[in-house]
C-alpha atoms as a PDB file:
ATOM      1  CA  MET A   1     -78.121  -7.206   5.900  1.00  0.00           C
ATOM      2  CA  PRO A   2     -75.883  -4.415   7.276  1.00  0.00           C
ATOM      3  CA  LYS A   3     -72.569  -5.492   8.748  1.00  0.00           C
ATOM      4  CA  THR A   4     -70.548  -4.010  11.554  1.00  0.00           C
ATOM      5  CA  TYR A   5     -67.034  -2.726  11.033  1.00  0.00           C
ATOM      6  CA  ASN A   6     -65.837  -5.679  13.065  1.00  0.00           C
ATOM      7  CA  GLU A   7     -67.522  -8.124  10.673  1.00  0.00           C
ATOM      8  CA  LEU A   8     -65.786  -6.437   7.731  1.00  0.00           C
ATOM      9  CA  TYR A   9     -62.448  -6.667   9.530  1.00  0.00           C
ATOM     10  CA  LEU A  10     -62.987 -10.370  10.306  1.00  0.00           C
ATOM     11  CA  ARG A  11     -63.877 -11.038   6.650  1.00  0.00           C
ATOM     12  CA  ALA A  12     -60.632  -9.412   5.494  1.00  0.00           C
ATOM     13  CA  ARG A  13     -58.612 -11.158   8.199  1.00  0.00           C
ATOM     14  CA  SER A  14     -59.961 -14.570   7.245  1.00  0.00           C
ATOM     15  CA  ALA A  15     -59.280 -14.057   3.531  1.00  0.00           C
ATOM     16  CA  LEU A  16     -55.720 -12.847   4.123  1.00  0.00           C
ATOM     17  CA  LYS A  17     -54.987 -15.657   6.560  1.00  0.00           C
ATOM     18  CA  GLN A  18     -56.279 -18.242   4.094  1.00  0.00           C
ATOM     19  CA  ALA A  19     -53.999 -16.715   1.438  1.00  0.00           C
ATOM     20  CA  GLU A  20     -51.067 -17.074   3.886  1.00  0.00           C
ATOM     21  CA  VAL A  21     -50.356 -13.352   3.940  1.00  0.00           C
ATOM     22  CA  GLU A  22     -47.806 -12.602   6.633  1.00  0.00           C
ATOM     23  CA  GLY A  23     -49.136 -10.091   9.146  1.00  0.00           C
ATOM     24  CA  TYR A  24     -52.724 -10.754   8.082  1.00  0.00           C
ATOM     25  CA  THR A  25     -54.202  -9.314  11.275  1.00  0.00           C
ATOM     26  CA  LEU A  26     -52.535  -5.929  10.905  1.00  0.00           C
ATOM     27  CA  GLU A  27     -53.127  -5.813   7.159  1.00  0.00           C
ATOM     28  CA  ALA A  28     -56.833  -6.595   7.594  1.00  0.00           C
ATOM     29  CA  ARG A  29     -57.157  -3.734  10.075  1.00  0.00           C
ATOM     30  CA  LEU A  30     -55.377  -1.313   7.742  1.00  0.00           C
ATOM     31  CA  LEU A  31     -57.435  -2.320   4.713  1.00  0.00           C
ATOM     32  CA  ALA A  32     -60.711  -2.128   6.625  1.00  0.00           C
ATOM     33  CA  SER A  33     -59.912   1.276   8.113  1.00  0.00           C
ATOM     34  CA  ARG A  34     -58.902   2.556   4.652  1.00  0.00           C
ATOM     35  CA  ALA A  35     -62.199   1.317   3.170  1.00  0.00           C
ATOM     36  CA  ALA A  36     -64.083   2.998   6.005  1.00  0.00           C
ATOM     37  CA  GLY A  37     -62.181   6.257   5.577  1.00  0.00           C
ATOM     38  CA  LYS A  38     -61.217   6.221   9.243  1.00  0.00           C
ATOM     39  CA  THR A  39     -57.962   6.407  11.150  1.00  0.00           C
ATOM     40  CA  LYS A  40     -56.837   3.142  12.741  1.00  0.00           C
ATOM     41  CA  GLU A  41     -57.815   4.526  16.142  1.00  0.00           C
ATOM     42  CA  ALA A  42     -61.283   5.617  15.023  1.00  0.00           C
ATOM     43  CA  PHE A  43     -61.850   2.293  13.279  1.00  0.00           C
ATOM     44  CA  LEU A  44     -61.088   0.344  16.465  1.00  0.00           C
ATOM     45  CA  ARG A  45     -63.359   2.662  18.427  1.00  0.00           C
ATOM     46  CA  ASP A  46     -66.245   2.070  16.007  1.00  0.00           C
ATOM     47  CA  LEU A  47     -65.935  -1.709  15.594  1.00  0.00           C
ATOM     48  CA  THR A  48     -69.444  -2.391  16.899  1.00  0.00           C
ATOM     49  CA  LEU A  49     -71.135   0.194  14.675  1.00  0.00           C
ATOM     50  CA  TYR A  50     -72.898  -0.742  11.438  1.00  0.00           C
ATOM     51  CA  THR A  51     -71.401   0.293   8.131  1.00  0.00           C
ATOM     52  CA  SER A  52     -72.750   0.709   4.609  1.00  0.00           C
ATOM     53  CA  LYS A  53     -72.860  -1.455   1.502  1.00  0.00           C
ATOM     54  CA  GLU A  54     -70.548   1.087  -0.186  1.00  0.00           C
ATOM     55  CA  CYS A  55     -67.931   0.581   2.526  1.00  0.00           C
ATOM     56  CA  GLU A  56     -68.268  -3.189   2.189  1.00  0.00           C
ATOM     57  CA  ASP A  57     -67.733  -2.923  -1.576  1.00  0.00           C
ATOM     58  CA  ARG A  58     -64.697  -0.688  -1.128  1.00  0.00           C
ATOM     59  CA  LEU A  59     -63.118  -3.187   1.248  1.00  0.00           C
ATOM     60  CA  GLU A  60     -63.788  -6.050  -1.155  1.00  0.00           C
ATOM     61  CA  ALA A  61     -62.059  -4.144  -3.969  1.00  0.00           C
ATOM     62  CA  LEU A  62     -59.042  -3.376  -1.782  1.00  0.00           C
ATOM     63  CA  LEU A  63     -58.922  -6.947  -0.554  1.00  0.00           C
ATOM     64  CA  GLN A  64     -58.904  -8.359  -4.081  1.00  0.00           C
ATOM     65  CA  ARG A  65     -55.973  -6.103  -5.000  1.00  0.00           C
ATOM     66  CA  ARG A  66     -54.024  -7.393  -2.010  1.00  0.00           C
ATOM     67  CA  LEU A  67     -54.879 -11.021  -2.747  1.00  0.00           C
ATOM     68  CA  ALA A  68     -53.635 -10.482  -6.317  1.00  0.00           C
ATOM     69  CA  GLY A  69     -50.221  -9.615  -4.874  1.00  0.00           C
ATOM     70  CA  GLU A  70     -50.207  -5.806  -4.862  1.00  0.00           C
ATOM     71  CA  PRO A  71     -48.167  -4.511  -1.901  1.00  0.00           C
ATOM     72  CA  LEU A  72     -50.185  -3.095   0.969  1.00  0.00           C
ATOM     73  CA  ALA A  73     -48.307   0.220   0.857  1.00  0.00           C
ATOM     74  CA  TYR A  74     -49.504   0.947  -2.677  1.00  0.00           C
ATOM     75  CA  ILE A  75     -53.073   0.041  -1.815  1.00  0.00           C
ATOM     76  CA  THR A  76     -53.254   2.294   1.244  1.00  0.00           C
ATOM     77  CA  GLY A  77     -50.820   4.910  -0.054  1.00  0.00           C
ATOM     78  CA  ASP A  78     -49.183   5.038   3.364  1.00  0.00           C
ATOM     79  CA  TRP A  79     -46.060   3.555   4.923  1.00  0.00           C
ATOM     80  CA  GLU A  80     -43.763   4.216   7.856  1.00  0.00           C
ATOM     81  CA  PHE A  81     -40.037   4.915   7.726  1.00  0.00           C
ATOM     82  CA  TYR A  82     -37.826   5.829  10.656  1.00  0.00           C
ATOM     83  CA  GLY A  83     -40.949   6.297  12.758  1.00  0.00           C
ATOM     84  CA  LEU A  84     -42.360   8.853  10.305  1.00  0.00           C
ATOM     85  CA  PRO A  85     -45.440   8.590   8.076  1.00  0.00           C
ATOM     86  CA  MET A  86     -44.625   8.396   4.378  1.00  0.00           C
ATOM     87  CA  HIS A  87     -46.868   8.768   1.371  1.00  0.00           C
ATOM     88  CA  VAL A  88     -46.048   6.259  -1.377  1.00  0.00           C
ATOM     89  CA  THR A  89     -47.269   5.596  -4.900  1.00  0.00           C
ATOM     90  CA  GLN A  90     -46.197   3.160  -7.591  1.00  0.00           C
ATOM     91  CA  ASP A  91     -43.841   5.870  -8.852  1.00  0.00           C
ATOM     92  CA  VAL A  92     -41.455   5.156  -5.952  1.00  0.00           C
ATOM     93  CA  LEU A  93     -40.019   2.184  -4.116  1.00  0.00           C
ATOM     94  CA  ILE A  94     -41.621   1.269  -0.816  1.00  0.00           C
ATOM     95  CA  PRO A  95     -39.214   2.364   1.957  1.00  0.00           C
ATOM     96  CA  ARG A  96     -37.423  -0.604   3.526  1.00  0.00           C
ATOM     97  CA  MET A  97     -36.172  -1.081   7.056  1.00  0.00           C
ATOM     98  CA  ASP A  98     -32.714  -1.848   5.611  1.00  0.00           C
ATOM     99  CA  THR A  99     -32.497   1.764   4.458  1.00  0.00           C
ATOM    100  CA  GLU A 100     -32.857   2.990   8.037  1.00  0.00           C
ATOM    101  CA  VAL A 101     -29.253   1.802   8.524  1.00  0.00           C
ATOM    102  CA  LEU A 102     -28.196   4.531   6.072  1.00  0.00           C
ATOM    103  CA  VAL A 103     -30.066   7.153   8.103  1.00  0.00           C
ATOM    104  CA  ASP A 104     -28.539   5.881  11.350  1.00  0.00           C
ATOM    105  CA  THR A 105     -25.041   6.024   9.840  1.00  0.00           C
ATOM    106  CA  ALA A 106     -25.556   9.584   8.587  1.00  0.00           C
ATOM    107  CA  LEU A 107     -26.901  10.788  11.932  1.00  0.00           C
ATOM    108  CA  LYS A 108     -24.015   9.208  13.804  1.00  0.00           C
ATOM    109  CA  ALA A 109     -21.562  11.030  11.530  1.00  0.00           C
ATOM    110  CA  LEU A 110     -23.231  14.441  11.838  1.00  0.00           C
ATOM    111  CA  ARG A 111     -24.736  14.734  15.295  1.00  0.00           C
ATOM    112  CA  GLY A 112     -22.595  16.845  17.573  1.00  0.00           C
ATOM    113  CA  ARG A 113     -20.266  17.739  14.697  1.00  0.00           C
ATOM    114  CA  LYS A 114     -22.166  19.348  11.853  1.00  0.00           C
ATOM    115  CA  MET A 115     -25.758  19.971  12.902  1.00  0.00           C
ATOM    116  CA  ASP A 116     -26.304  22.561  10.137  1.00  0.00           C
ATOM    117  CA  ALA A 117     -24.909  20.381   7.354  1.00  0.00           C
ATOM    118  CA  ARG A 118     -25.806  20.617   3.680  1.00  0.00           C
ATOM    119  CA  ILE A 119     -27.070  17.154   2.757  1.00  0.00           C
ATOM    120  CA  LEU A 120     -27.799  15.734  -0.695  1.00  0.00           C
ATOM    121  CA  ASP A 121     -30.165  12.766  -1.031  1.00  0.00           C
ATOM    122  CA  LEU A 122     -29.346  11.465  -4.513  1.00  0.00           C
ATOM    123  CA  CYS A 123     -31.834   9.115  -6.259  1.00  0.00           C
ATOM    124  CA  CYS A 124     -34.256  10.148  -3.519  1.00  0.00           C
ATOM    125  CA  GLY A 125     -37.411   8.340  -4.709  1.00  0.00           C
ATOM    126  CA  SER A 126     -40.034   8.895  -2.015  1.00  0.00           C
ATOM    127  CA  GLY A 127     -37.645  11.204  -0.178  1.00  0.00           C
ATOM    128  CA  CYS A 128     -37.749   8.969   2.890  1.00  0.00           C
ATOM    129  CA  ILE A 129     -34.002   9.312   3.597  1.00  0.00           C
ATOM    130  CA  GLY A 130     -33.876  13.069   3.119  1.00  0.00           C
ATOM    131  CA  VAL A 131     -37.067  13.663   5.090  1.00  0.00           C
ATOM    132  CA  ALA A 132     -35.845  11.505   7.986  1.00  0.00           C
ATOM    133  CA  LEU A 133     -32.533  13.390   8.083  1.00  0.00           C
ATOM    134  CA  ALA A 134     -34.278  16.770   7.874  1.00  0.00           C
ATOM    135  CA  HIS A 135     -36.585  15.714  10.707  1.00  0.00           C
ATOM    136  CA  GLU A 136     -33.742  14.546  12.936  1.00  0.00           C
ATOM    137  CA  LEU A 137     -31.403  17.446  12.026  1.00  0.00           C
ATOM    138  CA  PRO A 138     -33.736  20.461  11.781  1.00  0.00           C
ATOM    139  CA  ALA A 139     -30.839  22.906  11.357  1.00  0.00           C
ATOM    140  CA  SER A 140     -29.567  21.046   8.287  1.00  0.00           C
ATOM    141  CA  HIS A 141     -30.326  21.900   4.659  1.00  0.00           C
ATOM    142  CA  VAL A 142     -31.450  18.881   2.622  1.00  0.00           C
ATOM    143  CA  LEU A 143     -31.722  18.709  -1.155  1.00  0.00           C
ATOM    144  CA  MET A 144     -33.483  15.681  -2.632  1.00  0.00           C
ATOM    145  CA  VAL A 145     -32.627  14.827  -6.244  1.00  0.00           C
ATOM    146  CA  ASP A 146     -34.230  12.373  -8.654  1.00  0.00           C
ATOM    147  CA  ILE A 147     -34.682  12.091 -12.416  1.00  0.00           C
ATOM    148  CA  SER A 148     -38.381  11.240 -12.031  1.00  0.00           C
ATOM    149  CA  GLU A 149     -40.690  14.242 -11.637  1.00  0.00           C
ATOM    150  CA  ARG A 150     -43.402  11.927 -10.300  1.00  0.00           C
ATOM    151  CA  ALA A 151     -41.022  10.683  -7.617  1.00  0.00           C
ATOM    152  CA  LEU A 152     -40.201  14.279  -6.712  1.00  0.00           C
ATOM    153  CA  GLU A 153     -43.918  14.980  -6.318  1.00  0.00           C
ATOM    154  CA  VAL A 154     -44.023  12.185  -3.736  1.00  0.00           C
ATOM    155  CA  SER A 155     -40.927  13.632  -2.017  1.00  0.00           C
ATOM    156  CA  ARG A 156     -42.560  17.057  -1.819  1.00  0.00           C
ATOM    157  CA  GLU A 157     -45.697  15.511  -0.344  1.00  0.00           C
ATOM    158  CA  ASN A 158     -43.583  13.811   2.332  1.00  0.00           C
ATOM    159  CA  ILE A 159     -41.829  17.093   3.106  1.00  0.00           C
ATOM    160  CA  ARG A 160     -45.262  18.656   3.698  1.00  0.00           C
ATOM    161  CA  LEU A 161     -46.604  15.628   5.546  1.00  0.00           C
ATOM    162  CA  ASN A 162     -43.756  15.663   8.051  1.00  0.00           C
ATOM    163  CA  ARG A 163     -43.491  19.472   8.213  1.00  0.00           C
ATOM    164  CA  VAL A 164     -39.728  19.490   7.788  1.00  0.00           C
ATOM    165  CA  ASN A 165     -38.015  22.780   7.128  1.00  0.00           C
ATOM    166  CA  ARG A 166     -35.016  23.540   4.937  1.00  0.00           C
ATOM    167  CA  ALA A 167     -35.774  20.693   2.544  1.00  0.00           C
ATOM    168  CA  ALA A 168     -36.186  21.044  -1.216  1.00  0.00           C
ATOM    169  CA  THR A 169     -36.249  18.933  -4.381  1.00  0.00           C
ATOM    170  CA  LEU A 170     -34.432  19.153  -7.713  1.00  0.00           C
ATOM    171  CA  ARG A 171     -34.798  17.159 -10.917  1.00  0.00           C
ATOM    172  CA  ALA A 172     -31.432  15.869 -12.151  1.00  0.00           C
ATOM    173  CA  ASP A 173     -29.908  12.677 -13.555  1.00  0.00           C
ATOM    174  CA  ALA A 174     -27.537  10.842 -11.220  1.00  0.00           C
ATOM    175  CA  LEU A 175     -25.857   9.299 -14.268  1.00  0.00           C
ATOM    176  CA  GLU A 176     -24.812  12.733 -15.529  1.00  0.00           C
ATOM    177  CA  LYS A 177     -22.764  15.573 -14.055  1.00  0.00           C
ATOM    178  CA  PRO A 178     -24.556  17.668 -11.399  1.00  0.00           C
ATOM    179  CA  PRO A 179     -25.967  21.084 -12.305  1.00  0.00           C
ATOM    180  CA  MET A 180     -23.346  23.821 -11.990  1.00  0.00           C
ATOM    181  CA  SER A 181     -25.444  25.783  -9.495  1.00  0.00           C
ATOM    182  CA  ILE A 182     -25.933  22.930  -7.053  1.00  0.00           C
ATOM    183  CA  GLY A 183     -23.019  23.884  -4.802  1.00  0.00           C
ATOM    184  CA  GLN A 184     -21.241  21.524  -2.443  1.00  0.00           C
ATOM    185  CA  PHE A 185     -22.430  19.326   0.402  1.00  0.00           C
ATOM    186  CA  ASP A 186     -21.091  18.023   3.696  1.00  0.00           C
ATOM    187  CA  LEU A 187     -22.819  14.696   3.082  1.00  0.00           C
ATOM    188  CA  ILE A 188     -24.155  12.856   0.054  1.00  0.00           C
ATOM    189  CA  VAL A 189     -26.419   9.886   0.776  1.00  0.00           C
ATOM    190  CA  SER A 190     -27.736   7.625  -1.945  1.00  0.00           C
ATOM    191  CA  ASN A 191     -29.785   4.473  -2.247  1.00  0.00           C
ATOM    192  CA  PRO A 192     -29.470   4.124  -6.032  1.00  0.00           C
ATOM    193  CA  PRO A 193     -30.882   1.387  -8.271  1.00  0.00           C
ATOM    194  CA  TYR A 194     -28.591  -1.588  -7.648  1.00  0.00           C
ATOM    195  CA  VAL A 195     -30.278  -4.725  -8.962  1.00  0.00           C
ATOM    196  CA  ALA A 196     -28.470  -6.244 -11.949  1.00  0.00           C
ATOM    197  CA  SER A 197     -30.736  -6.016 -15.006  1.00  0.00           C
ATOM    198  CA  PHE A 198     -31.026  -9.775 -15.502  1.00  0.00           C
ATOM    199  CA  ASP A 199     -31.707 -10.374 -11.806  1.00  0.00           C
ATOM    200  CA  ILE A 200     -34.863  -8.245 -11.941  1.00  0.00           C
ATOM    201  CA  LEU A 201     -36.583 -11.263 -13.502  1.00  0.00           C
ATOM    202  CA  THR A 202     -35.861 -13.273 -10.343  1.00  0.00           C
ATOM    203  CA  LEU A 203     -37.339 -10.755  -7.906  1.00  0.00           C
ATOM    204  CA  ASP A 204     -40.512 -11.541  -6.004  1.00  0.00           C
ATOM    205  CA  SER A 205     -43.571 -10.705  -8.088  1.00  0.00           C
ATOM    206  CA  SER A 206     -44.711  -8.147  -5.496  1.00  0.00           C
ATOM    207  CA  VAL A 207     -41.557  -6.168  -6.355  1.00  0.00           C
ATOM    208  CA  ARG A 208     -41.100  -7.029 -10.036  1.00  0.00           C
ATOM    209  CA  ASP A 209     -44.717  -6.448 -11.045  1.00  0.00           C
ATOM    210  CA  TYR A 210     -45.538  -3.368  -8.969  1.00  0.00           C
ATOM    211  CA  GLU A 211     -42.477  -1.334  -7.992  1.00  0.00           C
ATOM    212  CA  PRO A 212     -40.884   1.015 -10.576  1.00  0.00           C
ATOM    213  CA  LEU A 213     -38.243  -0.819 -12.605  1.00  0.00           C
ATOM    214  CA  GLY A 214     -36.292   2.395 -13.133  1.00  0.00           C
ATOM    215  CA  ALA A 215     -35.686   2.559  -9.390  1.00  0.00           C
ATOM    216  CA  LEU A 216     -34.396  -1.030  -9.366  1.00  0.00           C
ATOM    217  CA  ASP A 217     -32.304  -1.486 -12.520  1.00  0.00           C
ATOM    218  CA  GLY A 218     -28.629  -0.895 -11.778  1.00  0.00           C
ATOM    219  CA  GLY A 219     -27.362  -1.994 -15.176  1.00  0.00           C
ATOM    220  CA  GLU A 220     -25.634  -5.174 -16.268  1.00  0.00           C
ATOM    221  CA  ASP A 221     -23.748  -5.742 -12.991  1.00  0.00           C
ATOM    222  CA  GLY A 222     -25.872  -3.600 -10.673  1.00  0.00           C
ATOM    223  CA  LEU A 223     -23.046  -1.073 -10.218  1.00  0.00           C
ATOM    224  CA  MET A 224     -23.867   1.440 -12.971  1.00  0.00           C
ATOM    225  CA  PHE A 225     -25.127   4.167 -10.639  1.00  0.00           C
ATOM    226  CA  TYR A 226     -22.292   3.760  -8.149  1.00  0.00           C
ATOM    227  CA  ARG A 227     -19.739   4.278 -10.928  1.00  0.00           C
ATOM    228  CA  ALA A 228     -21.525   7.330 -12.279  1.00  0.00           C
ATOM    229  CA  ILE A 229     -22.064   8.966  -8.906  1.00  0.00           C
ATOM    230  CA  ILE A 230     -18.461   8.451  -7.831  1.00  0.00           C
ATOM    231  CA  HIS A 231     -17.194   9.767 -11.175  1.00  0.00           C
ATOM    232  CA  ASN A 232     -19.564  12.724 -11.569  1.00  0.00           C
ATOM    233  CA  TRP A 233     -20.831  13.811  -8.172  1.00  0.00           C
ATOM    234  CA  ILE A 234     -17.716  13.842  -5.980  1.00  0.00           C
ATOM    235  CA  ARG A 235     -17.228  17.432  -7.169  1.00  0.00           C
ATOM    236  CA  ALA A 236     -20.457  18.244  -5.289  1.00  0.00           C
ATOM    237  CA  LEU A 237     -18.886  16.990  -2.052  1.00  0.00           C
ATOM    238  CA  ARG A 238     -16.903  19.409   0.070  1.00  0.00           C
ATOM    239  CA  PRO A 239     -13.298  18.428   0.889  1.00  0.00           C
ATOM    240  CA  GLY A 240     -13.589  16.245   3.986  1.00  0.00           C
ATOM    241  CA  GLY A 241     -17.242  15.514   3.194  1.00  0.00           C
ATOM    242  CA  LEU A 242     -18.776  12.047   3.319  1.00  0.00           C
ATOM    243  CA  LEU A 243     -20.363   9.888   0.628  1.00  0.00           C
ATOM    244  CA  MET A 244     -22.667   7.132   1.912  1.00  0.00           C
ATOM    245  CA  PHE A 245     -24.269   4.435  -0.239  1.00  0.00           C
ATOM    246  CA  GLU A 246     -26.817   1.776   0.521  1.00  0.00           C
ATOM    247  CA  VAL A 247     -25.679  -1.376  -1.301  1.00  0.00           C
ATOM    248  CA  GLY A 248     -27.200  -4.703  -2.171  1.00  0.00           C
ATOM    249  CA  GLU A 249     -26.167  -8.008  -0.683  1.00  0.00           C
ATOM    250  CA  ASP A 250     -22.606  -8.967  -1.708  1.00  0.00           C
ATOM    251  CA  GLN A 251     -21.974  -5.554  -3.318  1.00  0.00           C
ATOM    252  CA  ALA A 252     -20.064  -3.841  -0.487  1.00  0.00           C
ATOM    253  CA  ALA A 253     -16.592  -4.985  -1.572  1.00  0.00           C
ATOM    254  CA  SER A 254     -17.172  -3.918  -5.179  1.00  0.00           C
ATOM    255  CA  VAL A 255     -18.500  -0.506  -4.164  1.00  0.00           C
ATOM    256  CA  ARG A 256     -15.586   0.036  -1.784  1.00  0.00           C
ATOM    257  CA  ALA A 257     -13.218  -0.746  -4.661  1.00  0.00           C
ATOM    258  CA  LEU A 258     -14.974   1.821  -6.857  1.00  0.00           C
ATOM    259  CA  MET A 259     -14.756   4.412  -4.090  1.00  0.00           C
ATOM    260  CA  ARG A 260     -11.071   3.664  -3.603  1.00  0.00           C
ATOM    261  CA  GLU A 261     -10.492   4.150  -7.344  1.00  0.00           C
ATOM    262  CA  GLY A 262     -12.302   7.469  -7.006  1.00  0.00           C
ATOM    263  CA  GLN A 263      -9.708   8.587  -4.438  1.00  0.00           C
ATOM    264  CA  LEU A 264     -12.106   8.450  -1.491  1.00  0.00           C
ATOM    265  CA  GLN A 265     -10.509   7.723   1.865  1.00  0.00           C
ATOM    266  CA  ASP A 266     -11.356   6.258   5.295  1.00  0.00           C
ATOM    267  CA  LEU A 267     -13.602   3.629   3.733  1.00  0.00           C
ATOM    268  CA  PHE A 268     -15.758   1.457   5.959  1.00  0.00           C
ATOM    269  CA  SER A 269     -19.054  -0.408   5.867  1.00  0.00           C
ATOM    270  CA  VAL A 270     -21.968  -0.824   8.275  1.00  0.00           C
ATOM    271  CA  GLN A 271     -23.993  -4.003   8.689  1.00  0.00           C
ATOM    272  CA  ASP A 272     -27.761  -4.287   8.911  1.00  0.00           C
ATOM    273  CA  THR A 273     -29.592  -6.373  11.518  1.00  0.00           C
ATOM    274  CA  ALA A 274     -29.044  -9.524   9.410  1.00  0.00           C
ATOM    275  CA  GLY A 275     -25.282  -9.017   9.411  1.00  0.00           C
ATOM    276  CA  ILE A 276     -25.192  -7.933   5.751  1.00  0.00           C
ATOM    277  CA  GLU A 277     -22.892  -5.058   4.789  1.00  0.00           C
ATOM    278  CA  ARG A 278     -25.635  -2.583   3.906  1.00  0.00           C
ATOM    279  CA  VAL A 279     -23.930   0.855   3.923  1.00  0.00           C
ATOM    280  CA  VAL A 280     -20.538   1.837   2.505  1.00  0.00           C
ATOM    281  CA  VAL A 281     -18.934   5.149   3.520  1.00  0.00           C
ATOM    282  CA  GLY A 282     -16.012   7.139   2.122  1.00  0.00           C
ATOM    283  CA  ARG A 283     -14.551  10.595   2.689  1.00  0.00           C
ATOM    284  CA  ARG A 284     -13.376  13.070   0.079  1.00  0.00           C
ATOM    285  CA  PRO A 285      -9.765  14.045   0.836  1.00  0.00           C
ATOM    286  CA  LYS A 286      -9.174  17.532   2.157  1.00  0.00           C
ATOM    287  CA  ASP A 287      -7.277  19.820  -0.170  1.00  0.00           C
END
C-alpha cells in the first residue's frame, strides 16, 4: 500500500528514537528528504502526498546505514559550517563547531586591518575554514593546501557551492617544506591532524570507523604536524603575519611552547564555548 511522505518520516523518526540517536527528529527529516530527492522545504510541503516504493526502499537503505553508526553527514553528503552549506565525503573530516572558533579568531584579527589579506589554509580537508574566510572577507586571497587530492576535490566543490572568489587549492605536504613559488601570507590557519596515534583506538566508532585516519593521526604525541608546520612553513608567513592553530584538548600549552621555540611572538590562546583552549595564535617577528 502506498505511503505518504509523512509516514516515511515517522518510520525513520521512530527507528532513530528507538536507537537513542540524538536529534532523531531532525535526522529523520533529513534522511527522508534525501531519499525523496527533495529539499527540506519541499519535503515538508509535500508531507501529505503519496510516495513510491522506490523512495521507501531508498529511505530504508539510508536508515540502515545510520543505524549502523555511519555519521549523518556522510550519508547525506551535506553539512553546515559557519552558516554555509558544505559538501562532505569520507575523504574529509566532518566540520565541527569547535573549528568555528578558529574562523572567528582569524576574522577578528583581519577585519578592519587587512581586508585584502593573503590567507593560507593548511591541511584544509573539506576547505571549510578557507571557504568561510573567503566568504566573510571577499577581498582576501585564500589558498587551501592539503596532501590529499580527494580532499582538494571536496574543497573545490565547496568553493563552487558557496561561490567564493579569489580562492584556490594546491596539493602539498604540510610535513615538508612549502613549494618555492607559494609566496608569503598575512595569515596561516591550520586545523592539522592532532590525535595521538594510540588514542585513535579510543575514539568513538562513528569517528574511528568512518572518518579518514590520515586527517586524525598526529603522530606518537599528537604534535607531529605542529612541529613540522612551525619548522617548515614559517618562511611562508610575512614578517608580522599570524599563525593560528586549532588544537586538541590539553594541547594548547605544548603548542605554545613549540611556537615559542620557533621564535613566534605575542602568543595567546582562545577558548571554545566549553572553556577549552581551542585556538593558539602567534606572530612572526618583523624584520
